Amino acid sequence: MRKQGVRAVFAVALAAMAMWGEGVQAEDVKTIRFGLEAAYPPFESKATSGQLEGFDIDLGNALCAQLKAKCVWVENAYDGLIPALQARKFDAIDSAMNINAKRAEQVDFTVPLYLTPAQLVARKGSTLRPTPEALAGHSVGVLQGSIQEQYAKQMWAPKHVSVQSYQTQDEVYADLVMGRIDATFVDATAASLGFLSKPNGKDFAFAGNPVNDAKIIGTGVGIAVRKGDHSLREALNGAFAELKRNGTYQQLLKKYFTVDLAVH
């Protein structure tokens, strides 16, 4: 009888702990630690003062404000963001990360926050196009850990395309300008605003149409959380829905972009 009573108490305690861990409400989110790589303008980068800036930064801060939570930003190399999230170095990834099938096996995502295409960038007048036939014998630079890297290595590299991975996108641009690579496969919005519109990108342009592949390129950009962290994911989804309702989301899009990246 006594053993049964102890077991009953123990079972109730376990159930209470499970409810506490899984049933956290939005108002219980006090601090959100966002992981990012601050090297991808206009989404996330650093001002000359060292302060973080960009659309994802402003959107993340707005989500925190909506949840009445404190935002903490943790910098990390892009290709190490998911392992660092899994190791609990931060709570979520807010770093222009596209939602695709491979990543969804490792993390959970919020609803898509915005959509931006992937395109090839090459020197103006180039006949290169984002196909294995056109790129055969040429070199393409990609950001390590990106969906562009995943696509290029899976779809182009087996067909005699030299796919070269870099730690940062700025390093890709530097080698492209110096002629060490023939093209880069990159997020089109980031390329347009962070490279093509800058002095060092004046001799370059998009080569061909955007690449569409829902499985690899994905279905939009979302915030990643650890597998099973339903409470934080739903808190972020709820906050995002409110930012869309009250117009904050639309104001941020207009602040940074001249094209419509909104998810409708």
C-alpha atoms as a PDB file:
ATOM      1  CA  MET A   1       0.000   0.000   0.000  1.00  0.00           C
ATOM      2  CA  ARG A   2       2.816   2.335   0.947  1.00  0.00           C
ATOM      3  CA  LYS A   3       4.723   1.458  -2.249  1.00  0.00           C
ATOM      4  CA  GLN A   4       1.619   2.141  -4.304  1.00  0.00           C
ATOM      5  CA  GLY A   5       1.249   5.543  -2.630  1.00  0.00           C
ATOM      6  CA  VAL A   6       4.858   6.438  -3.365  1.00  0.00           C
ATOM      7  CA  ARG A   7       4.442   5.361  -6.974  1.00  0.00           C
ATOM      8  CA  ALA A   8       1.293   7.437  -7.306  1.00  0.00           C
ATOM      9  CA  VAL A   9       3.003  10.524  -5.920  1.00  0.00           C
ATOM     10  CA  PHE A  10       5.993   9.936  -8.226  1.00  0.00           C
ATOM     11  CA  ALA A  11       3.704   9.575 -11.251  1.00  0.00           C
ATOM     12  CA  VAL A  12       1.898  12.813 -10.425  1.00  0.00           C
ATOM     13  CA  ALA A  13       5.245  14.600 -10.064  1.00  0.00           C
ATOM     14  CA  LEU A  14       6.415  13.345 -13.446  1.00  0.00           C
ATOM     15  CA  ALA A  15       3.168  14.425 -15.069  1.00  0.00           C
ATOM     16  CA  ALA A  16       3.487  17.879 -13.536  1.00  0.00           C
ATOM     17  CA  MET A  17       7.056  18.208 -14.825  1.00  0.00           C
ATOM     18  CA  ALA A  18       5.985  17.158 -18.309  1.00  0.00           C
ATOM     19  CA  MET A  19       3.154  19.693 -18.302  1.00  0.00           C
ATOM     20  CA  TRP A  20       5.523  22.411 -17.125  1.00  0.00           C
ATOM     21  CA  GLY A  21       8.016  21.583 -19.870  1.00  0.00           C
ATOM     22  CA  GLU A  22       5.522  21.214 -22.728  1.00  0.00           C
ATOM     23  CA  GLY A  23       2.711  23.555 -21.720  1.00  0.00           C
ATOM     24  CA  VAL A  24       4.616  26.810 -21.347  1.00  0.00           C
ATOM     25  CA  GLN A  25       2.415  29.681 -22.461  1.00  0.00           C
ATOM     26  CA  ALA A  26       3.511  32.694 -24.500  1.00  0.00           C
ATOM     27  CA  GLU A  27       3.436  34.881 -21.405  1.00  0.00           C
ATOM     28  CA  ASP A  28       5.989  32.548 -19.776  1.00  0.00           C
ATOM     29  CA  VAL A  29       8.618  33.247 -22.461  1.00  0.00           C
ATOM     30  CA  LYS A  30      10.902  35.707 -20.676  1.00  0.00           C
ATOM     31  CA  THR A  31      14.062  35.561 -22.814  1.00  0.00           C
ATOM     32  CA  ILE A  32      14.683  34.322 -26.358  1.00  0.00           C
ATOM     33  CA  ARG A  33      18.268  33.692 -27.426  1.00  0.00           C
ATOM     34  CA  PHE A  34      18.466  33.932 -31.215  1.00  0.00           C
ATOM     35  CA  GLY A  35      21.446  32.417 -33.041  1.00  0.00           C
ATOM     36  CA  LEU A  36      22.634  34.059 -36.263  1.00  0.00           C
ATOM     37  CA  GLU A  37      25.573  34.749 -38.531  1.00  0.00           C
ATOM     38  CA  ALA A  38      25.795  38.525 -38.977  1.00  0.00           C
ATOM     39  CA  ALA A  39      27.223  38.459 -42.493  1.00  0.00           C
ATOM     40  CA  TYR A  40      24.214  38.454 -44.793  1.00  0.00           C
ATOM     41  CA  PRO A  41      22.866  41.966 -45.472  1.00  0.00           C
ATOM     42  CA  PRO A  42      20.146  43.155 -45.642  1.00  0.00           C
ATOM     43  CA  PHE A  43      18.904  40.347 -43.413  1.00  0.00           C
ATOM     44  CA  GLU A  44      21.613  40.344 -40.734  1.00  0.00           C
ATOM     45  CA  SER A  45      24.924  42.170 -40.598  1.00  0.00           C
ATOM     46  CA  LYS A  46      26.931  44.557 -38.441  1.00  0.00           C
ATOM     47  CA  ALA A  47      27.044  48.333 -38.695  1.00  0.00           C
ATOM     48  CA  THR A  48      30.423  50.075 -38.510  1.00  0.00           C
ATOM     49  CA  SER A  49      29.647  50.616 -34.826  1.00  0.00           C
ATOM     50  CA  GLY A  50      29.479  46.843 -34.350  1.00  0.00           C
ATOM     51  CA  GLN A  51      25.742  46.910 -33.705  1.00  0.00           C
ATOM     52  CA  LEU A  52      23.638  44.199 -35.309  1.00  0.00           C
ATOM     53  CA  GLU A  53      21.253  45.397 -37.997  1.00  0.00           C
ATOM     54  CA  GLY A  54      18.980  44.031 -40.718  1.00  0.00           C
ATOM     55  CA  PHE A  55      15.489  42.783 -41.411  1.00  0.00           C
ATOM     56  CA  ASP A  56      15.813  39.590 -39.377  1.00  0.00           C
ATOM     57  CA  ILE A  57      17.182  41.573 -36.424  1.00  0.00           C
ATOM     58  CA  ASP A  58      14.302  44.043 -36.512  1.00  0.00           C
ATOM     59  CA  LEU A  59      11.738  41.263 -36.977  1.00  0.00           C
ATOM     60  CA  GLY A  60      13.239  39.212 -34.132  1.00  0.00           C
ATOM     61  CA  ASN A  61      13.194  42.225 -31.822  1.00  0.00           C
ATOM     62  CA  ALA A  62       9.584  42.922 -32.800  1.00  0.00           C
ATOM     63  CA  LEU A  63       8.626  39.306 -32.018  1.00  0.00           C
ATOM     64  CA  CYS A  64      10.291  39.592 -28.618  1.00  0.00           C
ATOM     65  CA  ALA A  65       8.505  42.885 -27.936  1.00  0.00           C
ATOM     66  CA  GLN A  66       5.177  41.303 -28.868  1.00  0.00           C
ATOM     67  CA  LEU A  67       5.879  38.461 -26.418  1.00  0.00           C
ATOM     68  CA  LYS A  68       7.205  40.908 -23.784  1.00  0.00           C
ATOM     69  CA  ALA A  69      10.428  38.895 -23.800  1.00  0.00           C
ATOM     70  CA  LYS A  70      14.065  39.947 -23.805  1.00  0.00           C
ATOM     71  CA  CYS A  71      15.955  39.346 -27.065  1.00  0.00           C
ATOM     72  CA  VAL A  72      19.531  38.063 -26.844  1.00  0.00           C
ATOM     73  CA  TRP A  73      21.541  37.663 -30.060  1.00  0.00           C
ATOM     74  CA  VAL A  74      24.248  34.998 -30.238  1.00  0.00           C
ATOM     75  CA  GLU A  75      26.632  35.025 -33.187  1.00  0.00           C
ATOM     76  CA  ASN A  76      27.712  31.733 -34.723  1.00  0.00           C
ATOM     77  CA  ALA A  77      29.114  30.457 -38.019  1.00  0.00           C
ATOM     78  CA  TYR A  78      26.232  29.683 -40.373  1.00  0.00           C
ATOM     79  CA  ASP A  79      27.131  26.044 -40.969  1.00  0.00           C
ATOM     80  CA  GLY A  80      27.237  25.495 -37.186  1.00  0.00           C
ATOM     81  CA  LEU A  81      23.890  27.099 -36.350  1.00  0.00           C
ATOM     82  CA  ILE A  82      21.828  23.904 -36.221  1.00  0.00           C
ATOM     83  CA  PRO A  83      24.393  21.938 -34.150  1.00  0.00           C
ATOM     84  CA  ALA A  84      24.675  24.919 -31.769  1.00  0.00           C
ATOM     85  CA  LEU A  85      20.883  25.074 -31.449  1.00  0.00           C
ATOM     86  CA  GLN A  86      20.778  21.370 -30.660  1.00  0.00           C
ATOM     87  CA  ALA A  87      23.532  21.912 -28.074  1.00  0.00           C
ATOM     88  CA  ARG A  88      21.315  24.593 -26.430  1.00  0.00           C
ATOM     89  CA  LYS A  89      23.722  27.472 -27.043  1.00  0.00           C
ATOM     90  CA  PHE A  90      20.612  29.441 -28.004  1.00  0.00           C
ATOM     91  CA  ASP A  91      16.857  28.863 -28.259  1.00  0.00           C
ATOM     92  CA  ALA A  92      16.137  29.565 -31.930  1.00  0.00           C
ATOM     93  CA  ILE A  93      17.805  30.434 -35.235  1.00  0.00           C
ATOM     94  CA  ASP A  94      16.810  33.727 -36.873  1.00  0.00           C
ATOM     95  CA  SER A  95      19.311  33.957 -39.718  1.00  0.00           C
ATOM     96  CA  ALA A  96      17.605  33.871 -43.150  1.00  0.00           C
ATOM     97  CA  MET A  97      17.305  30.081 -42.909  1.00  0.00           C
ATOM     98  CA  ASN A  98      15.124  28.510 -45.579  1.00  0.00           C
ATOM     99  CA  ILE A  99      12.730  25.755 -44.618  1.00  0.00           C
ATOM    100  CA  ASN A 100      13.476  22.553 -46.485  1.00  0.00           C
ATOM    101  CA  ALA A 101      13.077  18.815 -45.998  1.00  0.00           C
ATOM    102  CA  LYS A 102      16.642  18.087 -44.862  1.00  0.00           C
ATOM    103  CA  ARG A 103      16.635  20.790 -42.187  1.00  0.00           C
ATOM    104  CA  ALA A 104      13.137  19.828 -41.041  1.00  0.00           C
ATOM    105  CA  GLU A 105      14.553  16.436 -40.062  1.00  0.00           C
ATOM    106  CA  GLN A 106      16.832  18.182 -37.551  1.00  0.00           C
ATOM    107  CA  VAL A 107      14.796  21.152 -36.295  1.00  0.00           C
ATOM    108  CA  ASP A 108      11.242  22.454 -36.177  1.00  0.00           C
ATOM    109  CA  PHE A 109      10.318  25.657 -38.004  1.00  0.00           C
ATOM    110  CA  THR A 110       7.816  28.426 -37.495  1.00  0.00           C
ATOM    111  CA  VAL A 111       5.473  29.295 -40.336  1.00  0.00           C
ATOM    112  CA  PRO A 112       7.349  30.899 -43.274  1.00  0.00           C
ATOM    113  CA  LEU A 113       8.157  34.536 -42.507  1.00  0.00           C
ATOM    114  CA  TYR A 114       9.113  35.630 -46.018  1.00  0.00           C
ATOM    115  CA  LEU A 115       9.998  34.251 -49.443  1.00  0.00           C
ATOM    116  CA  THR A 116      13.120  35.042 -51.442  1.00  0.00           C
ATOM    117  CA  PRO A 117      14.427  33.253 -54.544  1.00  0.00           C
ATOM    118  CA  ALA A 118      17.838  31.674 -55.160  1.00  0.00           C
ATOM    119  CA  GLN A 119      19.756  32.850 -58.246  1.00  0.00           C
ATOM    120  CA  LEU A 120      23.082  32.617 -59.982  1.00  0.00           C
ATOM    121  CA  VAL A 121      25.270  35.751 -60.103  1.00  0.00           C
ATOM    122  CA  ALA A 122      28.033  36.107 -62.694  1.00  0.00           C
ATOM    123  CA  ARG A 123      29.926  38.817 -64.557  1.00  0.00           C
ATOM    124  CA  LYS A 124      27.734  40.966 -66.810  1.00  0.00           C
ATOM    125  CA  GLY A 125      27.418  39.509 -70.288  1.00  0.00           C
ATOM    126  CA  SER A 126      28.093  35.972 -69.082  1.00  0.00           C
ATOM    127  CA  THR A 127      26.276  33.144 -70.837  1.00  0.00           C
ATOM    128  CA  LEU A 128      26.268  31.031 -67.666  1.00  0.00           C
ATOM    129  CA  ARG A 129      22.888  29.782 -66.508  1.00  0.00           C
ATOM    130  CA  PRO A 130      21.835  27.767 -63.424  1.00  0.00           C
ATOM    131  CA  THR A 131      21.871  24.408 -65.200  1.00  0.00           C
ATOM    132  CA  PRO A 132      24.470  21.620 -65.044  1.00  0.00           C
ATOM    133  CA  GLU A 133      24.950  21.824 -68.814  1.00  0.00           C
ATOM    134  CA  ALA A 134      25.755  25.546 -68.802  1.00  0.00           C
ATOM    135  CA  LEU A 135      27.940  25.341 -65.678  1.00  0.00           C
ATOM    136  CA  ALA A 136      29.965  22.253 -66.630  1.00  0.00           C
ATOM    137  CA  GLY A 137      33.664  23.055 -66.402  1.00  0.00           C
ATOM    138  CA  HIS A 138      33.023  26.236 -64.394  1.00  0.00           C
ATOM    139  CA  SER A 139      33.340  27.087 -60.701  1.00  0.00           C
ATOM    140  CA  VAL A 140      30.497  28.254 -58.465  1.00  0.00           C
ATOM    141  CA  GLY A 141      30.944  29.691 -54.973  1.00  0.00           C
ATOM    142  CA  VAL A 142      28.371  29.033 -52.257  1.00  0.00           C
ATOM    143  CA  LEU A 143      27.936  29.789 -48.573  1.00  0.00           C
ATOM    144  CA  GLN A 144      28.837  26.802 -46.427  1.00  0.00           C
ATOM    145  CA  GLY A 145      25.754  25.270 -44.819  1.00  0.00           C
ATOM    146  CA  SER A 146      23.312  27.101 -47.104  1.00  0.00           C
ATOM    147  CA  ILE A 147      20.525  25.624 -49.216  1.00  0.00           C
ATOM    148  CA  GLN A 148      22.415  26.934 -52.243  1.00  0.00           C
ATOM    149  CA  GLU A 149      25.378  24.773 -51.252  1.00  0.00           C
ATOM    150  CA  GLN A 150      23.109  21.769 -50.767  1.00  0.00           C
ATOM    151  CA  TYR A 151      21.462  22.273 -54.159  1.00  0.00           C
ATOM    152  CA  ALA A 152      24.712  22.927 -56.045  1.00  0.00           C
ATOM    153  CA  LYS A 153      26.467  19.899 -54.562  1.00  0.00           C
ATOM    154  CA  GLN A 154      23.519  17.620 -55.216  1.00  0.00           C
ATOM    155  CA  MET A 155      22.432  18.843 -58.645  1.00  0.00           C
ATOM    156  CA  TRP A 156      25.544  20.353 -60.253  1.00  0.00           C
ATOM    157  CA  ALA A 157      28.706  18.897 -58.706  1.00  0.00           C
ATOM    158  CA  PRO A 158      28.097  15.344 -60.054  1.00  0.00           C
ATOM    159  CA  LYS A 159      27.975  16.851 -63.563  1.00  0.00           C
ATOM    160  CA  HIS A 160      31.462  18.386 -63.644  1.00  0.00           C
ATOM    161  CA  VAL A 161      30.663  21.684 -61.942  1.00  0.00           C
ATOM    162  CA  SER A 162      33.259  22.803 -59.374  1.00  0.00           C
ATOM    163  CA  VAL A 163      31.287  23.834 -56.285  1.00  0.00           C
ATOM    164  CA  GLN A 164      33.412  25.750 -53.788  1.00  0.00           C
ATOM    165  CA  SER A 165      32.119  26.391 -50.252  1.00  0.00           C
ATOM    166  CA  TYR A 166      33.039  29.440 -48.193  1.00  0.00           C
ATOM    167  CA  GLN A 167      32.663  30.334 -44.538  1.00  0.00           C
ATOM    168  CA  THR A 168      30.954  33.660 -45.352  1.00  0.00           C
ATOM    169  CA  GLN A 169      29.172  35.092 -48.385  1.00  0.00           C
ATOM    170  CA  ASP A 170      31.518  38.099 -48.356  1.00  0.00           C
ATOM    171  CA  GLU A 171      34.402  35.703 -49.042  1.00  0.00           C
ATOM    172  CA  VAL A 172      32.456  34.345 -52.024  1.00  0.00           C
ATOM    173  CA  TYR A 173      31.957  37.851 -53.414  1.00  0.00           C
ATOM    174  CA  ALA A 174      35.659  38.661 -52.939  1.00  0.00           C
ATOM    175  CA  ASP A 175      36.750  35.629 -54.976  1.00  0.00           C
ATOM    176  CA  LEU A 176      34.105  36.355 -57.609  1.00  0.00           C
ATOM    177  CA  VAL A 177      35.433  39.905 -58.064  1.00  0.00           C
ATOM    178  CA  MET A 178      39.026  38.617 -58.226  1.00  0.00           C
ATOM    179  CA  GLY A 179      38.045  36.054 -60.880  1.00  0.00           C
ATOM    180  CA  ARG A 180      38.883  33.020 -58.760  1.00  0.00           C
ATOM    181  CA  ILE A 181      35.378  31.641 -59.348  1.00  0.00           C
ATOM    182  CA  ASP A 182      32.989  32.101 -62.262  1.00  0.00           C
ATOM    183  CA  ALA A 183      29.726  32.596 -60.406  1.00  0.00           C
ATOM    184  CA  THR A 184      27.977  32.420 -57.063  1.00  0.00           C
ATOM    185  CA  PHE A 185      24.646  30.780 -56.288  1.00  0.00           C
ATOM    186  CA  VAL A 186      22.988  32.894 -53.630  1.00  0.00           C
ATOM    187  CA  ASP A 187      19.827  34.309 -52.085  1.00  0.00           C
ATOM    188  CA  ALA A 188      18.668  36.799 -54.730  1.00  0.00           C
ATOM    189  CA  THR A 189      17.546  39.526 -52.335  1.00  0.00           C
ATOM    190  CA  ALA A 190      20.787  39.395 -50.372  1.00  0.00           C
ATOM    191  CA  ALA A 191      22.776  39.498 -53.617  1.00  0.00           C
ATOM    192  CA  SER A 192      20.788  42.411 -55.012  1.00  0.00           C
ATOM    193  CA  LEU A 193      21.007  44.618 -51.933  1.00  0.00           C
ATOM    194  CA  GLY A 194      24.261  43.369 -50.450  1.00  0.00           C
ATOM    195  CA  PHE A 195      26.421  43.028 -53.563  1.00  0.00           C
ATOM    196  CA  LEU A 196      24.982  44.039 -56.940  1.00  0.00           C
ATOM    197  CA  SER A 197      23.982  47.490 -55.701  1.00  0.00           C
ATOM    198  CA  LYS A 198      27.431  48.093 -54.185  1.00  0.00           C
ATOM    199  CA  PRO A 199      30.560  49.416 -55.977  1.00  0.00           C
ATOM    200  CA  ASN A 200      32.310  46.018 -55.896  1.00  0.00           C
ATOM    201  CA  GLY A 201      29.298  44.398 -57.587  1.00  0.00           C
ATOM    202  CA  LYS A 202      28.888  46.888 -60.440  1.00  0.00           C
ATOM    203  CA  ASP A 203      30.319  44.501 -63.043  1.00  0.00           C
ATOM    204  CA  PHE A 204      28.032  41.611 -62.083  1.00  0.00           C
ATOM    205  CA  ALA A 205      24.386  40.646 -62.630  1.00  0.00           C
ATOM    206  CA  PHE A 206      21.930  37.802 -62.225  1.00  0.00           C
ATOM    207  CA  ALA A 207      22.539  35.019 -64.751  1.00  0.00           C
ATOM    208  CA  GLY A 208      19.316  33.267 -65.692  1.00  0.00           C
ATOM    209  CA  ASN A 209      16.070  32.769 -63.828  1.00  0.00           C
ATOM    210  CA  PRO A 210      15.522  31.863 -60.158  1.00  0.00           C
ATOM    211  CA  VAL A 211      15.899  28.190 -59.265  1.00  0.00           C
ATOM    212  CA  ASN A 212      12.741  26.580 -57.908  1.00  0.00           C
ATOM    213  CA  ASP A 213      12.956  23.356 -55.946  1.00  0.00           C
ATOM    214  CA  ALA A 214      10.627  22.972 -52.972  1.00  0.00           C
ATOM    215  CA  LYS A 215      12.517  19.996 -51.557  1.00  0.00           C
ATOM    216  CA  ILE A 216      15.990  21.609 -51.501  1.00  0.00           C
ATOM    217  CA  ILE A 217      15.538  25.365 -51.978  1.00  0.00           C
ATOM    218  CA  GLY A 218      12.562  25.206 -49.660  1.00  0.00           C
ATOM    219  CA  THR A 219       9.248  26.927 -49.077  1.00  0.00           C
ATOM    220  CA  GLY A 220      10.359  30.178 -47.473  1.00  0.00           C
ATOM    221  CA  VAL A 221      12.424  31.459 -44.569  1.00  0.00           C
ATOM    222  CA  GLY A 222      11.439  30.574 -41.011  1.00  0.00           C
ATOM    223  CA  ILE A 223      12.790  30.620 -37.479  1.00  0.00           C
ATOM    224  CA  ALA A 224      14.177  27.251 -36.390  1.00  0.00           C
ATOM    225  CA  VAL A 225      13.683  25.835 -32.879  1.00  0.00           C
ATOM    226  CA  ARG A 226      14.794  22.549 -31.358  1.00  0.00           C
ATOM    227  CA  LYS A 227      12.801  19.471 -32.268  1.00  0.00           C
ATOM    228  CA  GLY A 228       9.818  19.192 -29.965  1.00  0.00           C
ATOM    229  CA  ASP A 229       9.976  22.771 -28.649  1.00  0.00           C
ATOM    230  CA  HIS A 230       6.333  23.316 -29.531  1.00  0.00           C
ATOM    231  CA  SER A 231       5.742  26.008 -26.916  1.00  0.00           C
ATOM    232  CA  LEU A 232       8.371  28.386 -28.294  1.00  0.00           C
ATOM    233  CA  ARG A 233       7.424  27.654 -31.895  1.00  0.00           C
ATOM    234  CA  GLU A 234       3.758  28.402 -31.253  1.00  0.00           C
ATOM    235  CA  ALA A 235       4.599  31.501 -29.203  1.00  0.00           C
ATOM    236  CA  LEU A 236       6.631  32.828 -32.148  1.00  0.00           C
ATOM    237  CA  ASN A 237       3.882  31.889 -34.618  1.00  0.00           C
ATOM    238  CA  GLY A 238       1.315  33.721 -32.512  1.00  0.00           C
ATOM    239  CA  ALA A 239       3.508  36.810 -32.200  1.00  0.00           C
ATOM    240  CA  PHE A 240       4.167  36.798 -35.959  1.00  0.00           C
ATOM    241  CA  ALA A 241       0.429  36.602 -36.703  1.00  0.00           C
ATOM    242  CA  GLU A 242      -0.115  39.649 -34.481  1.00  0.00           C
ATOM    243  CA  LEU A 243       2.714  41.588 -36.210  1.00  0.00           C
ATOM    244  CA  LYS A 244       1.008  40.898 -39.544  1.00  0.00           C
ATOM    245  CA  ARG A 245      -2.350  41.949 -38.116  1.00  0.00           C
ATOM    246  CA  ASN A 246      -1.125  45.243 -36.636  1.00  0.00           C
ATOM    247  CA  GLY A 247       0.976  46.223 -39.665  1.00  0.00           C
ATOM    248  CA  THR A 248       4.441  45.982 -38.059  1.00  0.00           C
ATOM    249  CA  TYR A 249       5.522  43.200 -40.425  1.00  0.00           C
ATOM    250  CA  GLN A 250       4.503  45.164 -43.509  1.00  0.00           C
ATOM    251  CA  GLN A 251       6.338  48.273 -42.251  1.00  0.00           C
ATOM    252  CA  LEU A 252       9.545  46.291 -41.774  1.00  0.00           C
ATOM    253  CA  LEU A 253       9.296  44.822 -45.278  1.00  0.00           C
ATOM    254  CA  LYS A 254       8.933  48.312 -46.754  1.00  0.00           C
ATOM    255  CA  LYS A 255      11.887  49.554 -44.717  1.00  0.00           C
ATOM    256  CA  TYR A 256      14.271  47.047 -46.292  1.00  0.00           C
ATOM    257  CA  PHE A 257      12.873  45.868 -49.621  1.00  0.00           C
ATOM    258  CA  THR A 258      11.434  47.282 -52.826  1.00  0.00           C
ATOM    259  CA  VAL A 259      10.052  43.894 -53.908  1.00  0.00           C
ATOM    260  CA  ASP A 260       7.317  41.941 -52.162  1.00  0.00           C
ATOM    261  CA  LEU A 261       8.764  39.150 -50.004  1.00  0.00           C
ATOM    262  CA  ALA A 262       5.633  38.756 -47.890  1.00  0.00           C
ATOM    263  CA  VAL A 263       4.010  35.383 -47.339  1.00  0.00           C
ATOM    264  CA  HIS A 264       0.370  35.709 -48.407  1.00  0.00           C
END
